[in-house]
Amino acid sequence: MLSAILFSVGPTRLESKTFYEEVGRRIRDARESRKPSITQKDLADLVGLTRTSITNLEHGRQKCLLHTLAEIAVVLHVQPASLIPTSDSQKLSLQDAVKGRPSPEKEWILSAVNAVRKKKNKI
């Protein structure tokens, strides 16, 4: 659990994996929210990928080239930046991770993450 919370602390394998999972979630959400909504196959055809590639992108199993992300954004009628997680969205993930936990546990997790951040900033 703590390793998932440390996602926003520094560049780790977990951070990269989580980053692409978030990109994929944003692509899927934008595709499903598009009016009219389109299928993975439709999106794939419009950007020159396979349906399997779109599935893998949406699940964070495949990295997305920048020009492909821009093409996906055009097709989905969104700004490319809206498909890319920011440090603010990473901080929200930390808050979501401790949401609903007992106060002592929440305080311990937040203090541990802050200690790691301070140590990272000194390096």
PDB file of N, CA and C in Angstrom:
ATOM      1  N   MET A   1       0.824  -1.198   0.000  1.00  0.00           N
ATOM      2  CA  MET A   1       0.000   0.000   0.000  1.00  0.00           C
ATOM      3  C   MET A   1       0.872   1.266   0.000  1.00  0.00           C
ATOM      4  N   LEU A   2       1.874   1.281   0.872  1.00  0.00           N
ATOM      5  CA  LEU A   2       2.713   2.475   0.956  1.00  0.00           C
ATOM      6  C   LEU A   2       3.452   2.701  -0.356  1.00  0.00           C
ATOM      7  N   SER A   3       3.856   1.632  -1.035  1.00  0.00           N
ATOM      8  CA  SER A   3       4.553   1.813  -2.309  1.00  0.00           C
ATOM      9  C   SER A   3       3.653   2.497  -3.325  1.00  0.00           C
ATOM     10  N   ALA A   4       2.362   2.200  -3.308  1.00  0.00           N
ATOM     11  CA  ALA A   4       1.429   2.870  -4.218  1.00  0.00           C
ATOM     12  C   ALA A   4       1.299   4.345  -3.861  1.00  0.00           C
ATOM     13  N   ILE A   5       1.364   4.650  -2.590  1.00  0.00           N
ATOM     14  CA  ILE A   5       1.242   6.034  -2.139  1.00  0.00           C
ATOM     15  C   ILE A   5       2.494   6.823  -2.520  1.00  0.00           C
ATOM     16  N   LEU A   6       3.633   6.167  -2.531  1.00  0.00           N
ATOM     17  CA  LEU A   6       4.888   6.839  -2.842  1.00  0.00           C
ATOM     18  C   LEU A   6       5.013   7.163  -4.326  1.00  0.00           C
ATOM     19  N   PHE A   7       4.009   6.855  -5.083  1.00  0.00           N
ATOM     20  CA  PHE A   7       3.968   7.114  -6.527  1.00  0.00           C
ATOM     21  C   PHE A   7       4.430   8.522  -6.859  1.00  0.00           C
ATOM     22  N   SER A   8       4.028   9.511  -6.077  1.00  0.00           N
ATOM     23  CA  SER A   8       4.348  10.887  -6.429  1.00  0.00           C
ATOM     24  C   SER A   8       5.660  11.377  -5.815  1.00  0.00           C
ATOM     25  N   VAL A   9       6.401  10.487  -5.171  1.00  0.00           N
ATOM     26  CA  VAL A   9       7.603  10.907  -4.468  1.00  0.00           C
ATOM     27  C   VAL A   9       8.812  11.015  -5.388  1.00  0.00           C
ATOM     28  N   GLY A  10       9.013  10.067  -6.249  1.00  0.00           N
ATOM     29  CA  GLY A  10      10.195  10.113  -7.087  1.00  0.00           C
ATOM     30  C   GLY A  10      10.070   9.203  -8.283  1.00  0.00           C
ATOM     31  N   PRO A  11      11.036   9.297  -9.181  1.00  0.00           N
ATOM     32  CA  PRO A  11      10.975   8.502 -10.399  1.00  0.00           C
ATOM     33  C   PRO A  11      11.305   7.038 -10.118  1.00  0.00           C
ATOM     34  N   THR A  12      10.302   6.209 -10.097  1.00  0.00           N
ATOM     35  CA  THR A  12      10.472   4.785  -9.870  1.00  0.00           C
ATOM     36  C   THR A  12       9.748   4.021 -10.955  1.00  0.00           C
ATOM     37  N   ARG A  13       9.951   2.708 -10.994  1.00  0.00           N
ATOM     38  CA  ARG A  13       9.220   1.858 -11.923  1.00  0.00           C
ATOM     39  C   ARG A  13       7.725   1.992 -11.666  1.00  0.00           C
ATOM     40  N   LEU A  14       7.355   2.037 -10.405  1.00  0.00           N
ATOM     41  CA  LEU A  14       5.948   2.163 -10.051  1.00  0.00           C
ATOM     42  C   LEU A  14       5.370   3.452 -10.615  1.00  0.00           C
ATOM     43  N   GLU A  15       6.124   4.538 -10.530  1.00  0.00           N
ATOM     44  CA  GLU A  15       5.638   5.808 -11.041  1.00  0.00           C
ATOM     45  C   GLU A  15       5.377   5.721 -12.542  1.00  0.00           C
ATOM     46  N   SER A  16       6.301   5.139 -13.286  1.00  0.00           N
ATOM     47  CA  SER A  16       6.129   5.020 -14.720  1.00  0.00           C
ATOM     48  C   SER A  16       4.914   4.167 -15.045  1.00  0.00           C
ATOM     49  N   LYS A  17       4.770   3.059 -14.361  1.00  0.00           N
ATOM     50  CA  LYS A  17       3.628   2.163 -14.587  1.00  0.00           C
ATOM     51  C   LYS A  17       2.323   2.893 -14.261  1.00  0.00           C
ATOM     52  N   THR A  18       2.296   3.550 -13.144  1.00  0.00           N
ATOM     53  CA  THR A  18       1.097   4.272 -12.734  1.00  0.00           C
ATOM     54  C   THR A  18       0.800   5.418 -13.693  1.00  0.00           C
ATOM     55  N   PHE A  19       1.831   6.081 -14.181  1.00  0.00           N
ATOM     56  CA  PHE A  19       1.658   7.172 -15.127  1.00  0.00           C
ATOM     57  C   PHE A  19       0.924   6.684 -16.370  1.00  0.00           C
ATOM     58  N   TYR A  20       1.398   5.585 -16.953  1.00  0.00           N
ATOM     59  CA  TYR A  20       0.774   5.077 -18.175  1.00  0.00           C
ATOM     60  C   TYR A  20      -0.613   4.497 -17.919  1.00  0.00           C
ATOM     61  N   GLU A  21      -0.839   3.963 -16.731  1.00  0.00           N
ATOM     62  CA  GLU A  21      -2.196   3.519 -16.382  1.00  0.00           C
ATOM     63  C   GLU A  21      -3.143   4.714 -16.344  1.00  0.00           C
ATOM     64  N   GLU A  22      -2.664   5.831 -15.806  1.00  0.00           N
ATOM     65  CA  GLU A  22      -3.485   7.045 -15.742  1.00  0.00           C
ATOM     66  C   GLU A  22      -3.722   7.626 -17.131  1.00  0.00           C
ATOM     67  N   VAL A  23      -2.701   7.631 -17.979  1.00  0.00           N
ATOM     68  CA  VAL A  23      -2.893   8.080 -19.361  1.00  0.00           C
ATOM     69  C   VAL A  23      -3.964   7.222 -20.017  1.00  0.00           C
ATOM     70  N   GLY A  24      -3.865   5.922 -19.846  1.00  0.00           N
ATOM     71  CA  GLY A  24      -4.840   5.004 -20.431  1.00  0.00           C
ATOM     72  C   GLY A  24      -6.249   5.234 -19.929  1.00  0.00           C
ATOM     73  N   ARG A  25      -6.365   5.479 -18.627  1.00  0.00           N
ATOM     74  CA  ARG A  25      -7.687   5.752 -18.056  1.00  0.00           C
ATOM     75  C   ARG A  25      -8.269   7.018 -18.658  1.00  0.00           C
ATOM     76  N   ARG A  26      -7.424   8.026 -18.840  1.00  0.00           N
ATOM     77  CA  ARG A  26      -7.893   9.290 -19.423  1.00  0.00           C
ATOM     78  C   ARG A  26      -8.308   9.113 -20.886  1.00  0.00           C
ATOM     79  N   ILE A  27      -7.558   8.298 -21.624  1.00  0.00           N
ATOM     80  CA  ILE A  27      -7.934   8.026 -23.012  1.00  0.00           C
ATOM     81  C   ILE A  27      -9.280   7.312 -23.043  1.00  0.00           C
ATOM     82  N   ARG A  28      -9.424   6.285 -22.229  1.00  0.00           N
ATOM     83  CA  ARG A  28     -10.687   5.528 -22.189  1.00  0.00           C
ATOM     84  C   ARG A  28     -11.857   6.435 -21.804  1.00  0.00           C
ATOM     85  N   ASP A  29     -11.672   7.236 -20.758  1.00  0.00           N
ATOM     86  CA  ASP A  29     -12.738   8.135 -20.314  1.00  0.00           C
ATOM     87  C   ASP A  29     -13.123   9.117 -21.424  1.00  0.00           C
ATOM     88  N   ALA A  30     -12.118   9.664 -22.109  1.00  0.00           N
ATOM     89  CA  ALA A  30     -12.397  10.616 -23.190  1.00  0.00           C
ATOM     90  C   ALA A  30     -13.103   9.920 -24.351  1.00  0.00           C
ATOM     91  N   ARG A  31     -12.685   8.700 -24.646  1.00  0.00           N
ATOM     92  CA  ARG A  31     -13.321   7.948 -25.739  1.00  0.00           C
ATOM     93  C   ARG A  31     -14.784   7.648 -25.413  1.00  0.00           C
ATOM     94  N   GLU A  32     -15.022   7.227 -24.181  1.00  0.00           N
ATOM     95  CA  GLU A  32     -16.388   6.883 -23.779  1.00  0.00           C
ATOM     96  C   GLU A  32     -17.269   8.114 -23.606  1.00  0.00           C
ATOM     97  N   SER A  33     -16.662   9.261 -23.291  1.00  0.00           N
ATOM     98  CA  SER A  33     -17.416  10.506 -23.092  1.00  0.00           C
ATOM     99  C   SER A  33     -17.674  11.248 -24.394  1.00  0.00           C
ATOM    100  N   ARG A  34     -16.931  10.902 -25.422  1.00  0.00           N
ATOM    101  CA  ARG A  34     -17.061  11.583 -26.713  1.00  0.00           C
ATOM    102  C   ARG A  34     -18.476  11.433 -27.234  1.00  0.00           C
ATOM    103  N   LYS A  35     -18.998  12.501 -27.807  1.00  0.00           N
ATOM    104  CA  LYS A  35     -20.336  12.483 -28.408  1.00  0.00           C
ATOM    105  C   LYS A  35     -20.210  12.623 -29.909  1.00  0.00           C
ATOM    106  N   PRO A  36     -20.577  11.662 -30.698  1.00  0.00           N
ATOM    107  CA  PRO A  36     -20.993  10.332 -30.250  1.00  0.00           C
ATOM    108  C   PRO A  36     -19.779   9.525 -29.809  1.00  0.00           C
ATOM    109  N   SER A  37     -19.982   8.624 -28.842  1.00  0.00           N
ATOM    110  CA  SER A  37     -18.865   7.806 -28.374  1.00  0.00           C
ATOM    111  C   SER A  37     -18.413   6.870 -29.495  1.00  0.00           C
ATOM    112  N   ILE A  38     -17.160   6.465 -29.404  1.00  0.00           N
ATOM    113  CA  ILE A  38     -16.623   5.572 -30.426  1.00  0.00           C
ATOM    114  C   ILE A  38     -16.033   4.342 -29.759  1.00  0.00           C
ATOM    115  N   THR A  39     -15.925   3.278 -30.509  1.00  0.00           N
ATOM    116  CA  THR A  39     -15.359   2.043 -29.994  1.00  0.00           C
ATOM    117  C   THR A  39     -13.838   2.106 -30.051  1.00  0.00           C
ATOM    118  N   GLN A  40     -13.207   1.160 -29.378  1.00  0.00           N
ATOM    119  CA  GLN A  40     -11.756   1.052 -29.466  1.00  0.00           C
ATOM    120  C   GLN A  40     -11.331   0.809 -30.915  1.00  0.00           C
ATOM    121  N   LYS A  41     -12.090   0.004 -31.623  1.00  0.00           N
ATOM    122  CA  LYS A  41     -11.782  -0.294 -33.034  1.00  0.00           C
ATOM    123  C   LYS A  41     -11.864   0.975 -33.880  1.00  0.00           C
ATOM    124  N   ASP A  42     -12.921   1.791 -33.661  1.00  0.00           N
ATOM    125  CA  ASP A  42     -13.056   3.051 -34.399  1.00  0.00           C
ATOM    126  C   ASP A  42     -11.857   3.969 -34.134  1.00  0.00           C
ATOM    127  N   LEU A  43     -11.495   4.100 -32.870  1.00  0.00           N
ATOM    128  CA  LEU A  43     -10.362   4.956 -32.505  1.00  0.00           C
ATOM    129  C   LEU A  43      -9.083   4.432 -33.146  1.00  0.00           C
ATOM    130  N   ALA A  44      -8.899   3.129 -33.069  1.00  0.00           N
ATOM    131  CA  ALA A  44      -7.704   2.521 -33.657  1.00  0.00           C
ATOM    132  C   ALA A  44      -7.615   2.821 -35.149  1.00  0.00           C
ATOM    133  N   ASP A  45      -8.714   2.648 -35.863  1.00  0.00           N
ATOM    134  CA  ASP A  45      -8.721   2.913 -37.307  1.00  0.00           C
ATOM    135  C   ASP A  45      -8.401   4.376 -37.610  1.00  0.00           C
ATOM    136  N   LEU A  46      -8.921   5.277 -36.797  1.00  0.00           N
ATOM    137  CA  LEU A  46      -8.736   6.705 -37.049  1.00  0.00           C
ATOM    138  C   LEU A  46      -7.311   7.195 -36.778  1.00  0.00           C
ATOM    139  N   VAL A  47      -6.586   6.489 -35.898  1.00  0.00           N
ATOM    140  CA  VAL A  47      -5.217   6.928 -35.577  1.00  0.00           C
ATOM    141  C   VAL A  47      -4.155   5.966 -36.110  1.00  0.00           C
ATOM    142  N   GLY A  48      -4.572   4.949 -36.851  1.00  0.00           N
ATOM    143  CA  GLY A  48      -3.614   4.041 -37.466  1.00  0.00           C
ATOM    144  C   GLY A  48      -3.008   3.009 -36.541  1.00  0.00           C
ATOM    145  N   LEU A  49      -3.776   2.578 -35.548  1.00  0.00           N
ATOM    146  CA  LEU A  49      -3.328   1.524 -34.645  1.00  0.00           C
ATOM    147  C   LEU A  49      -4.275   0.340 -34.747  1.00  0.00           C
ATOM    148  N   THR A  50      -3.952  -0.732 -34.039  1.00  0.00           N
ATOM    149  CA  THR A  50      -4.873  -1.860 -33.957  1.00  0.00           C
ATOM    150  C   THR A  50      -5.762  -1.691 -32.735  1.00  0.00           C
ATOM    151  N   ARG A  51      -6.886  -2.388 -32.734  1.00  0.00           N
ATOM    152  CA  ARG A  51      -7.770  -2.345 -31.563  1.00  0.00           C
ATOM    153  C   ARG A  51      -7.030  -2.861 -30.336  1.00  0.00           C
ATOM    154  N   THR A  52      -6.184  -3.869 -30.521  1.00  0.00           N
ATOM    155  CA  THR A  52      -5.394  -4.410 -29.410  1.00  0.00           C
ATOM    156  C   THR A  52      -4.466  -3.343 -28.833  1.00  0.00           C
ATOM    157  N   SER A  53      -3.884  -2.510 -29.686  1.00  0.00           N
ATOM    158  CA  SER A  53      -3.019  -1.433 -29.195  1.00  0.00           C
ATOM    159  C   SER A  53      -3.813  -0.442 -28.356  1.00  0.00           C
ATOM    160  N   ILE A  54      -5.019  -0.100 -28.812  1.00  0.00           N
ATOM    161  CA  ILE A  54      -5.858   0.821 -28.029  1.00  0.00           C
ATOM    162  C   ILE A  54      -6.200   0.194 -26.681  1.00  0.00           C
ATOM    163  N   THR A  55      -6.550  -1.094 -26.685  1.00  0.00           N
ATOM    164  CA  THR A  55      -6.832  -1.797 -25.430  1.00  0.00           C
ATOM    165  C   THR A  55      -5.620  -1.738 -24.507  1.00  0.00           C
ATOM    166  N   ASN A  56      -4.443  -2.013 -25.062  1.00  0.00           N
ATOM    167  CA  ASN A  56      -3.220  -1.982 -24.250  1.00  0.00           C
ATOM    168  C   ASN A  56      -2.905  -0.580 -23.750  1.00  0.00           C
ATOM    169  N   LEU A  57      -3.125   0.433 -24.572  1.00  0.00           N
ATOM    170  CA  LEU A  57      -2.926   1.817 -24.119  1.00  0.00           C
ATOM    171  C   LEU A  57      -3.873   2.127 -22.963  1.00  0.00           C
ATOM    172  N   GLU A  58      -5.139   1.770 -23.121  1.00  0.00           N
ATOM    173  CA  GLU A  58      -6.134   2.087 -22.100  1.00  0.00           C
ATOM    174  C   GLU A  58      -5.883   1.366 -20.783  1.00  0.00           C
ATOM    175  N   HIS A  59      -5.165   0.260 -20.831  1.00  0.00           N
ATOM    176  CA  HIS A  59      -4.842  -0.470 -19.603  1.00  0.00           C
ATOM    177  C   HIS A  59      -3.433  -0.167 -19.093  1.00  0.00           C
ATOM    178  N   GLY A  60      -2.739   0.758 -19.753  1.00  0.00           N
ATOM    179  CA  GLY A  60      -1.403   1.154 -19.307  1.00  0.00           C
ATOM    180  C   GLY A  60      -0.336   0.122 -19.595  1.00  0.00           C
ATOM    181  N   ARG A  61      -0.618  -0.832 -20.461  1.00  0.00           N
ATOM    182  CA  ARG A  61       0.355  -1.882 -20.784  1.00  0.00           C
ATOM    183  C   ARG A  61       1.251  -1.491 -21.957  1.00  0.00           C
ATOM    184  N   GLN A  62       0.893  -0.438 -22.662  1.00  0.00           N
ATOM    185  CA  GLN A  62       1.660   0.003 -23.827  1.00  0.00           C
ATOM    186  C   GLN A  62       1.899   1.498 -23.718  1.00  0.00           C
ATOM    187  N   LYS A  63       3.122   1.916 -23.968  1.00  0.00           N
ATOM    188  CA  LYS A  63       3.443   3.342 -23.947  1.00  0.00           C
ATOM    189  C   LYS A  63       2.930   3.979 -25.226  1.00  0.00           C
ATOM    190  N   CYS A  64       2.596   5.241 -25.113  1.00  0.00           N
ATOM    191  CA  CYS A  64       2.008   5.969 -26.233  1.00  0.00           C
ATOM    192  C   CYS A  64       3.004   7.013 -26.738  1.00  0.00           C
ATOM    193  N   LEU A  65       3.325   6.936 -28.023  1.00  0.00           N
ATOM    194  CA  LEU A  65       4.197   7.949 -28.610  1.00  0.00           C
ATOM    195  C   LEU A  65       3.491   9.296 -28.594  1.00  0.00           C
ATOM    196  N   LEU A  66       4.253  10.349 -28.502  1.00  0.00           N
ATOM    197  CA  LEU A  66       3.704  11.690 -28.380  1.00  0.00           C
ATOM    198  C   LEU A  66       2.825  12.073 -29.571  1.00  0.00           C
ATOM    199  N   HIS A  67       3.272  11.777 -30.781  1.00  0.00           N
ATOM    200  CA  HIS A  67       2.458  12.127 -31.945  1.00  0.00           C
ATOM    201  C   HIS A  67       1.159  11.306 -31.978  1.00  0.00           C
ATOM    202  N   THR A  68       1.212  10.080 -31.465  1.00  0.00           N
ATOM    203  CA  THR A  68       0.003   9.253 -31.394  1.00  0.00           C
ATOM    204  C   THR A  68      -0.957   9.822 -30.357  1.00  0.00           C
ATOM    205  N   LEU A  69      -0.426  10.276 -29.233  1.00  0.00           N
ATOM    206  CA  LEU A  69      -1.270  10.886 -28.204  1.00  0.00           C
ATOM    207  C   LEU A  69      -1.960  12.131 -28.760  1.00  0.00           C
ATOM    208  N   ALA A  70      -1.233  12.913 -29.548  1.00  0.00           N
ATOM    209  CA  ALA A  70      -1.818  14.113 -30.163  1.00  0.00           C
ATOM    210  C   ALA A  70      -2.924  13.727 -31.139  1.00  0.00           C
ATOM    211  N   GLU A  71      -2.708  12.682 -31.939  1.00  0.00           N
ATOM    212  CA  GLU A  71      -3.744  12.229 -32.873  1.00  0.00           C
ATOM    213  C   GLU A  71      -4.974  11.716 -32.133  1.00  0.00           C
ATOM    214  N   ILE A  72      -4.751  10.974 -31.057  1.00  0.00           N
ATOM    215  CA  ILE A  72      -5.863  10.465 -30.246  1.00  0.00           C
ATOM    216  C   ILE A  72      -6.666  11.638 -29.694  1.00  0.00           C
ATOM    217  N   ALA A  73      -5.979  12.661 -29.204  1.00  0.00           N
ATOM    218  CA  ALA A  73      -6.659  13.832 -28.645  1.00  0.00           C
ATOM    219  C   ALA A  73      -7.525  14.514 -29.700  1.00  0.00           C
ATOM    220  N   VAL A  74      -7.021  14.656 -30.922  1.00  0.00           N
ATOM    221  CA  VAL A  74      -7.796  15.280 -31.997  1.00  0.00           C
ATOM    222  C   VAL A  74      -9.064  14.478 -32.264  1.00  0.00           C
ATOM    223  N   VAL A  75      -8.916  13.166 -32.387  1.00  0.00           N
ATOM    224  CA  VAL A  75     -10.071  12.304 -32.665  1.00  0.00           C
ATOM    225  C   VAL A  75     -11.093  12.361 -31.530  1.00  0.00           C
ATOM    226  N   LEU A  76     -10.601  12.456 -30.299  1.00  0.00           N
ATOM    227  CA  LEU A  76     -11.501  12.452 -29.141  1.00  0.00           C
ATOM    228  C   LEU A  76     -12.009  13.851 -28.779  1.00  0.00           C
ATOM    229  N   HIS A  77     -11.584  14.863 -29.523  1.00  0.00           N
ATOM    230  CA  HIS A  77     -12.020  16.248 -29.301  1.00  0.00           C
ATOM    231  C   HIS A  77     -11.631  16.760 -27.911  1.00  0.00           C
ATOM    232  N   VAL A  78     -10.384  16.441 -27.512  1.00  0.00           N
ATOM    233  CA  VAL A  78      -9.858  16.930 -26.233  1.00  0.00           C
ATOM    234  C   VAL A  78      -8.481  17.525 -26.471  1.00  0.00           C
ATOM    235  N   GLN A  79      -8.009  18.306 -25.533  1.00  0.00           N
ATOM    236  CA  GLN A  79      -6.658  18.839 -25.586  1.00  0.00           C
ATOM    237  C   GLN A  79      -5.679  17.721 -25.216  1.00  0.00           C
ATOM    238  N   PRO A  80      -4.563  17.609 -25.925  1.00  0.00           N
ATOM    239  CA  PRO A  80      -3.594  16.563 -25.575  1.00  0.00           C
ATOM    240  C   PRO A  80      -3.178  16.612 -24.100  1.00  0.00           C
ATOM    241  N   ALA A  81      -3.053  17.799 -23.547  1.00  0.00           N
ATOM    242  CA  ALA A  81      -2.647  17.939 -22.142  1.00  0.00           C
ATOM    243  C   ALA A  81      -3.639  17.284 -21.181  1.00  0.00           C
ATOM    244  N   SER A  82      -4.899  17.194 -21.590  1.00  0.00           N
ATOM    245  CA  SER A  82      -5.885  16.585 -20.694  1.00  0.00           C
ATOM    246  C   SER A  82      -5.688  15.079 -20.562  1.00  0.00           C
ATOM    247  N   LEU A  83      -4.882  14.494 -21.436  1.00  0.00           N
ATOM    248  CA  LEU A  83      -4.614  13.058 -21.376  1.00  0.00           C
ATOM    249  C   LEU A  83      -3.350  12.728 -20.585  1.00  0.00           C
ATOM    250  N   ILE A  84      -2.636  13.772 -20.150  1.00  0.00           N
ATOM    251  CA  ILE A  84      -1.361  13.576 -19.460  1.00  0.00           C
ATOM    252  C   ILE A  84      -1.510  13.941 -17.988  1.00  0.00           C
ATOM    253  N   PRO A  85      -1.209  13.002 -17.092  1.00  0.00           N
ATOM    254  CA  PRO A  85      -1.287  13.304 -15.659  1.00  0.00           C
ATOM    255  C   PRO A  85      -0.268  14.373 -15.265  1.00  0.00           C
ATOM    256  N   THR A  86      -0.619  15.203 -14.311  1.00  0.00           N
ATOM    257  CA  THR A  86       0.279  16.240 -13.811  1.00  0.00           C
ATOM    258  C   THR A  86       0.672  15.927 -12.379  1.00  0.00           C
ATOM    259  N   SER A  87       1.600  16.682 -11.850  1.00  0.00           N
ATOM    260  CA  SER A  87       1.980  16.476 -10.452  1.00  0.00           C
ATOM    261  C   SER A  87       0.794  16.754  -9.537  1.00  0.00           C
ATOM    262  N   ASP A  88      -0.101  17.655  -9.935  1.00  0.00           N
ATOM    263  CA  ASP A  88      -1.296  17.904  -9.132  1.00  0.00           C
ATOM    264  C   ASP A  88      -2.182  16.672  -9.070  1.00  0.00           C
ATOM    265  N   SER A  89      -2.336  15.977 -10.190  1.00  0.00           N
ATOM    266  CA  SER A  89      -3.166  14.770 -10.176  1.00  0.00           C
ATOM    267  C   SER A  89      -2.489  13.674  -9.368  1.00  0.00           C
ATOM    268  N   GLN A  90      -1.152  13.674  -9.340  1.00  0.00           N
ATOM    269  CA  GLN A  90      -0.443  12.709  -8.514  1.00  0.00           C
ATOM    270  C   GLN A  90      -0.685  12.998  -7.038  1.00  0.00           C
ATOM    271  N   LYS A  91      -0.707  14.274  -6.666  1.00  0.00           N
ATOM    272  CA  LYS A  91      -0.973  14.623  -5.280  1.00  0.00           C
ATOM    273  C   LYS A  91      -2.382  14.226  -4.888  1.00  0.00           C
ATOM    274  N   LEU A  92      -3.320  14.370  -5.798  1.00  0.00           N
ATOM    275  CA  LEU A  92      -4.679  13.934  -5.514  1.00  0.00           C
ATOM    276  C   LEU A  92      -4.720  12.440  -5.262  1.00  0.00           C
ATOM    277  N   SER A  93      -3.886  11.687  -5.953  1.00  0.00           N
ATOM    278  CA  SER A  93      -3.836  10.250  -5.745  1.00  0.00           C
ATOM    279  C   SER A  93      -3.420   9.921  -4.317  1.00  0.00           C
ATOM    280  N   LEU A  94      -2.495  10.684  -3.771  1.00  0.00           N
ATOM    281  CA  LEU A  94      -2.083  10.477  -2.389  1.00  0.00           C
ATOM    282  C   LEU A  94      -3.257  10.740  -1.454  1.00  0.00           C
ATOM    283  N   GLN A  95      -3.969  11.821  -1.681  1.00  0.00           N
ATOM    284  CA  GLN A  95      -5.124  12.125  -0.834  1.00  0.00           C
ATOM    285  C   GLN A  95      -6.191  11.046  -0.967  1.00  0.00           C
ATOM    286  N   ASP A  96      -6.398  10.564  -2.183  1.00  0.00           N
ATOM    287  CA  ASP A  96      -7.372   9.494  -2.387  1.00  0.00           C
ATOM    288  C   ASP A  96      -6.934   8.218  -1.677  1.00  0.00           C
ATOM    289  N   ALA A  97      -5.623   7.960  -1.653  1.00  0.00           N
ATOM    290  CA  ALA A  97      -5.103   6.742  -1.037  1.00  0.00           C
ATOM    291  C   ALA A  97      -5.333   6.718   0.472  1.00  0.00           C
ATOM    292  N   VAL A  98      -5.305   7.876   1.106  1.00  0.00           N
ATOM    293  CA  VAL A  98      -5.488   7.902   2.561  1.00  0.00           C
ATOM    294  C   VAL A  98      -6.929   8.211   2.965  1.00  0.00           C
ATOM    295  N   LYS A  99      -7.745   8.532   1.991  1.00  0.00           N
ATOM    296  CA  LYS A  99      -9.145   8.860   2.260  1.00  0.00           C
ATOM    297  C   LYS A  99      -9.848   7.681   2.936  1.00  0.00           C
ATOM    298  N   GLY A 100     -10.551   7.963   4.021  1.00  0.00           N
ATOM    299  CA  GLY A 100     -11.314   6.944   4.715  1.00  0.00           C
ATOM    300  C   GLY A 100     -10.511   6.110   5.698  1.00  0.00           C
ATOM    301  N   ARG A 101      -9.207   6.340   5.774  1.00  0.00           N
ATOM    302  CA  ARG A 101      -8.383   5.586   6.726  1.00  0.00           C
ATOM    303  C   ARG A 101      -8.499   6.228   8.105  1.00  0.00           C
ATOM    304  N   PRO A 102      -8.279   5.438   9.143  1.00  0.00           N
ATOM    305  CA  PRO A 102      -8.298   6.016  10.492  1.00  0.00           C
ATOM    306  C   PRO A 102      -7.255   7.131  10.606  1.00  0.00           C
ATOM    307  N   SER A 103      -7.562   8.134  11.386  1.00  0.00           N
ATOM    308  CA  SER A 103      -6.710   9.311  11.495  1.00  0.00           C
ATOM    309  C   SER A 103      -5.249   8.994  11.826  1.00  0.00           C
ATOM    310  N   PRO A 104      -4.956   8.140  12.814  1.00  0.00           N
ATOM    311  CA  PRO A 104      -3.540   7.864  13.111  1.00  0.00           C
ATOM    312  C   PRO A 104      -2.805   7.249  11.914  1.00  0.00           C
ATOM    313  N   GLU A 105      -3.465   6.352  11.216  1.00  0.00           N
ATOM    314  CA  GLU A 105      -2.838   5.717  10.048  1.00  0.00           C
ATOM    315  C   GLU A 105      -2.629   6.744   8.941  1.00  0.00           C
ATOM    316  N   LYS A 106      -3.631   7.587   8.703  1.00  0.00           N
ATOM    317  CA  LYS A 106      -3.535   8.626   7.677  1.00  0.00           C
ATOM    318  C   LYS A 106      -2.376   9.568   7.988  1.00  0.00           C
ATOM    319  N   GLU A 107      -2.270  10.005   9.235  1.00  0.00           N
ATOM    320  CA  GLU A 107      -1.198  10.915   9.633  1.00  0.00           C
ATOM    321  C   GLU A 107       0.171  10.270   9.456  1.00  0.00           C
ATOM    322  N   TRP A 108       0.289   8.970   9.804  1.00  0.00           N
ATOM    323  CA  TRP A 108       1.556   8.274   9.648  1.00  0.00           C
ATOM    324  C   TRP A 108       1.948   8.199   8.180  1.00  0.00           C
ATOM    325  N   ILE A 109       1.014   7.833   7.318  1.00  0.00           N
ATOM    326  CA  ILE A 109       1.297   7.715   5.884  1.00  0.00           C
ATOM    327  C   ILE A 109       1.737   9.064   5.319  1.00  0.00           C
ATOM    328  N   LEU A 110       0.992  10.118   5.629  1.00  0.00           N
ATOM    329  CA  LEU A 110       1.334  11.450   5.118  1.00  0.00           C
ATOM    330  C   LEU A 110       2.693  11.913   5.624  1.00  0.00           C
ATOM    331  N   SER A 111       3.006  11.644   6.895  1.00  0.00           N
ATOM    332  CA  SER A 111       4.312  12.060   7.427  1.00  0.00           C
ATOM    333  C   SER A 111       5.434  11.252   6.776  1.00  0.00           C
ATOM    334  N   ALA A 112       5.199   9.966   6.509  1.00  0.00           N
ATOM    335  CA  ALA A 112       6.221   9.143   5.842  1.00  0.00           C
ATOM    336  C   ALA A 112       6.485   9.655   4.434  1.00  0.00           C
ATOM    337  N   VAL A 113       5.439   9.966   3.699  1.00  0.00           N
ATOM    338  CA  VAL A 113       5.594  10.470   2.336  1.00  0.00           C
ATOM    339  C   VAL A 113       6.305  11.821   2.352  1.00  0.00           C
ATOM    340  N   ASN A 114       5.930  12.694   3.270  1.00  0.00           N
ATOM    341  CA  ASN A 114       6.593  14.001   3.371  1.00  0.00           C
ATOM    342  C   ASN A 114       8.068  13.867   3.735  1.00  0.00           C
ATOM    343  N   ALA A 115       8.399  12.907   4.593  1.00  0.00           N
ATOM    344  CA  ALA A 115       9.800  12.687   4.957  1.00  0.00           C
ATOM    345  C   ALA A 115      10.606  12.239   3.747  1.00  0.00           C
ATOM    346  N   VAL A 116      10.028  11.350   2.942  1.00  0.00           N
ATOM    347  CA  VAL A 116      10.724  10.886   1.734  1.00  0.00           C
ATOM    348  C   VAL A 116      10.886  12.042   0.755  1.00  0.00           C
ATOM    349  N   ARG A 117       9.877  12.867   0.617  1.00  0.00           N
ATOM    350  CA  ARG A 117       9.966  14.023  -0.282  1.00  0.00           C
ATOM    351  C   ARG A 117      11.067  14.973   0.162  1.00  0.00           C
ATOM    352  N   LYS A 118      11.139  15.256   1.478  1.00  0.00           N
ATOM    353  CA  LYS A 118      12.184  16.154   1.995  1.00  0.00           C
ATOM    354  C   LYS A 118      13.564  15.587   1.731  1.00  0.00           C
ATOM    355  N   LYS A 119      13.703  14.272   1.962  1.00  0.00           N
ATOM    356  CA  LYS A 119      14.989  13.634   1.720  1.00  0.00           C
ATOM    357  C   LYS A 119      15.352  13.700   0.243  1.00  0.00           C
ATOM    358  N   LYS A 120      14.388  13.503  -0.617  1.00  0.00           N
ATOM    359  CA  LYS A 120      14.620  13.556  -2.055  1.00  0.00           C
ATOM    360  C   LYS A 120      15.071  14.964  -2.465  1.00  0.00           C
ATOM    361  N   ASN A 121      14.456  15.996  -1.891  1.00  0.00           N
ATOM    362  CA  ASN A 121      14.793  17.376  -2.232  1.00  0.00           C
ATOM    363  C   ASN A 121      16.199  17.761  -1.793  1.00  0.00           C
ATOM    364  N   LYS A 122      16.738  17.093  -0.776  1.00  0.00           N
ATOM    365  CA  LYS A 122      18.083  17.381  -0.293  1.00  0.00           C
ATOM    366  C   LYS A 122      19.144  16.779  -1.199  1.00  0.00           C
ATOM    367  N   ILE A 123      18.756  15.770  -1.954  1.00  0.00           N
ATOM    368  CA  ILE A 123      19.727  15.055  -2.815  1.00  0.00           C
ATOM    369  C   ILE A 123      20.045  15.850  -4.040  1.00  0.00           C
TER     370      ILE A 123
END
